[in-house]
């Protein structure tokens, strides 16, 4: 069995299957998927924070600041929605 055969068995053949798989994962396990997406987005944010501060902070601190910023942004959006659409909650 070739490695490409194994990869073709594991990976979906088209994007429709990928989106169906993501939808199933979102319904069954929403928290791990949200944490994964948060960490993926932090891959973009953390180097920007590290570059903006130079050598003043460590890479771990840049990752922590990136995650903290994303959490604060998420809470602000949530509170904004709760304030302006209270009947939904």
N, C-alpha and C. Protein backbone atom coordinates (compact mmCIF):
# COMPACT_ATOMS: atom_id res chain seq x y z
N UNK A 1 0.85 -1.18 0.00
CA UNK A 1 0.00 0.00 0.00
C UNK A 1 0.89 1.24 0.00
N UNK A 2 0.62 2.16 -0.92
CA UNK A 2 1.41 3.38 -1.04
C UNK A 2 0.93 4.41 -0.02
N UNK A 3 1.82 5.32 0.37
CA UNK A 3 1.41 6.38 1.31
C UNK A 3 0.29 7.25 0.77
N UNK A 4 0.24 7.45 -0.54
CA UNK A 4 -0.83 8.28 -1.10
C UNK A 4 -2.18 7.59 -0.97
N UNK A 5 -2.20 6.26 -1.00
CA UNK A 5 -3.46 5.53 -0.81
C UNK A 5 -3.99 5.74 0.59
N UNK A 6 -3.08 5.72 1.57
CA UNK A 6 -3.48 5.93 2.96
C UNK A 6 -4.01 7.35 3.15
N UNK A 7 -3.33 8.31 2.56
CA UNK A 7 -3.76 9.71 2.66
C UNK A 7 -5.12 9.89 2.00
N UNK A 8 -5.33 9.28 0.85
CA UNK A 8 -6.62 9.40 0.15
C UNK A 8 -7.76 8.75 0.94
N UNK A 9 -7.46 7.73 1.72
CA UNK A 9 -8.49 7.11 2.55
C UNK A 9 -8.85 7.98 3.74
N UNK A 10 -7.88 8.66 4.30
CA UNK A 10 -8.10 9.46 5.50
C UNK A 10 -8.74 10.80 5.16
N UNK A 11 -8.20 11.50 4.18
CA UNK A 11 -8.68 12.83 3.85
C UNK A 11 -9.92 12.78 2.96
N UNK A 12 -10.85 13.71 3.16
CA UNK A 12 -12.03 13.77 2.30
C UNK A 12 -11.63 14.13 0.87
N UNK A 13 -12.44 13.70 -0.08
CA UNK A 13 -12.10 13.91 -1.48
C UNK A 13 -12.50 15.30 -2.00
N UNK A 14 -13.45 15.96 -1.34
CA UNK A 14 -13.84 17.28 -1.80
C UNK A 14 -14.19 18.17 -0.61
N UNK A 15 -14.40 19.45 -0.91
CA UNK A 15 -14.65 20.41 0.16
C UNK A 15 -16.00 20.22 0.82
N UNK A 16 -16.97 19.67 0.10
CA UNK A 16 -18.28 19.45 0.68
C UNK A 16 -18.17 18.47 1.86
N UNK A 17 -17.37 17.44 1.71
CA UNK A 17 -17.17 16.49 2.80
C UNK A 17 -16.45 17.13 3.98
N UNK A 18 -15.53 18.03 3.68
CA UNK A 18 -14.81 18.73 4.75
C UNK A 18 -15.78 19.57 5.57
N UNK A 19 -16.67 20.31 4.89
CA UNK A 19 -17.62 21.14 5.61
C UNK A 19 -18.63 20.29 6.39
N UNK A 20 -19.01 19.16 5.84
CA UNK A 20 -19.90 18.26 6.57
C UNK A 20 -19.21 17.72 7.83
N UNK A 21 -17.94 17.38 7.71
CA UNK A 21 -17.18 16.89 8.86
C UNK A 21 -17.06 17.98 9.92
N UNK A 22 -16.78 19.22 9.50
CA UNK A 22 -16.68 20.33 10.45
C UNK A 22 -18.02 20.60 11.14
N UNK A 23 -19.10 20.47 10.42
CA UNK A 23 -20.43 20.66 11.01
C UNK A 23 -20.71 19.58 12.06
N UNK A 24 -20.35 18.35 11.76
CA UNK A 24 -20.55 17.27 12.73
C UNK A 24 -19.70 17.52 13.97
N UNK A 25 -18.44 17.92 13.77
CA UNK A 25 -17.57 18.20 14.91
C UNK A 25 -18.09 19.38 15.73
N UNK A 26 -18.62 20.40 15.05
CA UNK A 26 -19.14 21.56 15.77
C UNK A 26 -20.32 21.21 16.64
N UNK A 27 -21.16 20.32 16.16
CA UNK A 27 -22.34 19.92 16.94
C UNK A 27 -21.94 19.03 18.12
N UNK A 28 -21.06 18.09 17.90
CA UNK A 28 -20.72 17.13 18.95
C UNK A 28 -19.74 17.68 19.98
N UNK A 29 -18.74 18.42 19.51
CA UNK A 29 -17.69 18.90 20.41
C UNK A 29 -17.40 20.38 20.13
N UNK A 30 -18.25 21.29 20.58
CA UNK A 30 -18.04 22.70 20.22
C UNK A 30 -16.85 23.34 20.94
N UNK A 31 -16.59 23.00 22.18
CA UNK A 31 -15.53 23.66 22.93
C UNK A 31 -14.14 23.33 22.37
N UNK A 32 -13.80 22.06 22.13
CA UNK A 32 -12.47 21.80 21.56
C UNK A 32 -12.27 22.46 20.20
N UNK A 33 -13.32 22.52 19.39
CA UNK A 33 -13.21 23.17 18.09
C UNK A 33 -12.97 24.66 18.26
N UNK A 34 -13.65 25.29 19.21
CA UNK A 34 -13.45 26.71 19.46
C UNK A 34 -12.04 26.98 19.98
N UNK A 35 -11.55 26.13 20.86
CA UNK A 35 -10.18 26.30 21.35
C UNK A 35 -9.16 26.13 20.23
N UNK A 36 -9.41 25.16 19.35
CA UNK A 36 -8.52 24.96 18.22
C UNK A 36 -8.49 26.19 17.31
N UNK A 37 -9.65 26.74 17.01
CA UNK A 37 -9.72 27.94 16.17
C UNK A 37 -9.07 29.14 16.85
N UNK A 38 -9.22 29.24 18.17
CA UNK A 38 -8.57 30.31 18.91
C UNK A 38 -7.05 30.21 18.81
N UNK A 39 -6.53 28.99 18.96
CA UNK A 39 -5.09 28.80 18.86
C UNK A 39 -4.59 29.05 17.44
N UNK A 40 -5.38 28.66 16.44
CA UNK A 40 -5.00 28.93 15.05
C UNK A 40 -4.94 30.43 14.78
N UNK A 41 -5.91 31.15 15.30
CA UNK A 41 -5.92 32.60 15.10
C UNK A 41 -4.77 33.25 15.87
N UNK A 42 -4.41 32.65 17.01
CA UNK A 42 -3.31 33.19 17.80
C UNK A 42 -1.96 32.99 17.11
N UNK A 43 -1.88 32.06 16.18
CA UNK A 43 -0.65 31.88 15.41
C UNK A 43 -0.35 33.14 14.60
N UNK A 44 -1.38 33.87 14.22
CA UNK A 44 -1.21 35.12 13.49
C UNK A 44 -0.95 36.28 14.45
N UNK A 45 -1.64 36.28 15.58
CA UNK A 45 -1.58 37.41 16.51
C UNK A 45 -0.27 37.43 17.30
N UNK A 46 0.17 36.29 17.81
CA UNK A 46 1.34 36.25 18.69
C UNK A 46 2.62 36.78 18.04
N UNK A 47 2.95 36.42 16.80
CA UNK A 47 4.15 37.01 16.20
C UNK A 47 4.04 38.52 16.02
N UNK A 48 2.83 39.01 15.77
CA UNK A 48 2.65 40.46 15.64
C UNK A 48 2.91 41.16 16.97
N UNK A 49 2.42 40.56 18.05
CA UNK A 49 2.66 41.13 19.38
C UNK A 49 4.15 41.08 19.70
N UNK A 50 4.79 39.96 19.40
CA UNK A 50 6.22 39.80 19.67
C UNK A 50 7.04 40.78 18.85
N UNK A 51 6.65 41.00 17.60
CA UNK A 51 7.38 41.93 16.74
C UNK A 51 7.18 43.38 17.21
N UNK A 52 6.00 43.69 17.71
CA UNK A 52 5.73 45.06 18.14
C UNK A 52 6.48 45.42 19.42
N UNK A 53 6.73 44.43 20.27
CA UNK A 53 7.41 44.73 21.53
C UNK A 53 8.91 44.52 21.46
N UNK A 54 9.39 43.87 20.43
CA UNK A 54 10.83 43.63 20.32
C UNK A 54 11.26 42.55 21.29
N UNK A 55 12.40 42.72 21.87
CA UNK A 55 12.95 41.72 22.80
C UNK A 55 12.55 41.98 24.25
N UNK A 56 11.60 42.88 24.47
CA UNK A 56 11.22 43.23 25.84
C UNK A 56 10.44 42.12 26.53
N UNK A 57 9.70 41.31 25.78
CA UNK A 57 8.93 40.22 26.38
C UNK A 57 9.31 38.91 25.71
N UNK A 58 9.01 37.81 26.38
CA UNK A 58 9.34 36.50 25.83
C UNK A 58 8.26 36.05 24.85
N UNK A 59 8.55 34.97 24.13
CA UNK A 59 7.57 34.43 23.19
C UNK A 59 6.33 33.91 23.92
N UNK A 60 6.53 33.28 25.08
CA UNK A 60 5.39 32.78 25.86
C UNK A 60 4.49 33.93 26.30
N UNK A 61 5.10 35.02 26.69
CA UNK A 61 4.30 36.18 27.10
C UNK A 61 3.55 36.76 25.91
N UNK A 62 4.16 36.74 24.72
CA UNK A 62 3.47 37.22 23.52
C UNK A 62 2.27 36.34 23.21
N UNK A 63 2.43 35.00 23.34
CA UNK A 63 1.30 34.09 23.13
C UNK A 63 0.20 34.36 24.15
N UNK A 64 0.59 34.56 25.41
CA UNK A 64 -0.40 34.81 26.46
C UNK A 64 -1.13 36.13 26.20
N UNK A 65 -0.41 37.15 25.79
CA UNK A 65 -1.06 38.43 25.49
C UNK A 65 -1.98 38.31 24.28
N UNK A 66 -1.59 37.53 23.30
CA UNK A 66 -2.45 37.32 22.13
C UNK A 66 -3.75 36.63 22.51
N UNK A 67 -3.65 35.58 23.33
CA UNK A 67 -4.86 34.87 23.78
C UNK A 67 -5.72 35.78 24.65
N UNK A 68 -5.09 36.52 25.53
CA UNK A 68 -5.83 37.44 26.39
C UNK A 68 -6.57 38.49 25.55
N UNK A 69 -5.90 39.02 24.54
CA UNK A 69 -6.55 39.99 23.65
C UNK A 69 -7.73 39.41 22.91
N UNK A 70 -7.59 38.15 22.45
CA UNK A 70 -8.69 37.50 21.74
C UNK A 70 -9.87 37.25 22.67
N UNK A 71 -9.59 36.87 23.90
CA UNK A 71 -10.67 36.65 24.88
C UNK A 71 -11.39 37.96 25.19
N UNK A 72 -10.64 39.01 25.36
CA UNK A 72 -11.25 40.32 25.65
C UNK A 72 -12.09 40.77 24.46
N UNK A 73 -11.60 40.57 23.25
CA UNK A 73 -12.37 40.93 22.06
C UNK A 73 -13.66 40.11 21.98
N UNK A 74 -13.57 38.82 22.26
CA UNK A 74 -14.77 37.97 22.24
C UNK A 74 -15.79 38.38 23.28
N UNK A 75 -15.33 38.69 24.50
CA UNK A 75 -16.25 39.14 25.55
C UNK A 75 -16.89 40.48 25.19
N UNK A 76 -16.13 41.38 24.57
CA UNK A 76 -16.72 42.66 24.20
C UNK A 76 -17.81 42.49 23.15
N UNK A 77 -17.56 41.63 22.16
CA UNK A 77 -18.59 41.38 21.15
C UNK A 77 -19.81 40.75 21.80
N UNK A 78 -19.60 39.78 22.67
CA UNK A 78 -20.71 39.12 23.36
C UNK A 78 -21.53 40.12 24.17
N UNK A 79 -20.86 40.96 24.95
CA UNK A 79 -21.59 41.94 25.76
C UNK A 79 -22.30 42.97 24.89
N UNK A 80 -21.70 43.36 23.78
CA UNK A 80 -22.35 44.27 22.86
C UNK A 80 -23.66 43.67 22.34
N UNK A 81 -23.62 42.40 21.97
CA UNK A 81 -24.82 41.73 21.46
C UNK A 81 -25.86 41.60 22.57
N UNK A 82 -25.44 41.26 23.79
CA UNK A 82 -26.36 41.10 24.91
C UNK A 82 -27.04 42.42 25.25
N UNK A 83 -26.30 43.51 25.17
CA UNK A 83 -26.87 44.81 25.51
C UNK A 83 -27.90 45.25 24.47
N UNK A 84 -27.59 45.03 23.19
CA UNK A 84 -28.47 45.54 22.14
C UNK A 84 -29.53 44.54 21.69
N UNK A 85 -29.42 43.28 22.08
CA UNK A 85 -30.45 42.29 21.77
C UNK A 85 -30.76 41.44 22.99
N UNK A 86 -31.27 42.05 24.07
CA UNK A 86 -31.48 41.28 25.31
C UNK A 86 -32.59 40.22 25.19
N UNK A 87 -33.50 40.37 24.24
CA UNK A 87 -34.58 39.40 24.14
C UNK A 87 -34.09 38.04 23.67
N UNK A 88 -32.95 37.97 23.05
CA UNK A 88 -32.40 36.68 22.62
C UNK A 88 -31.85 35.88 23.80
N UNK A 89 -31.55 36.54 24.89
CA UNK A 89 -30.96 35.87 26.04
C UNK A 89 -31.94 35.88 27.19
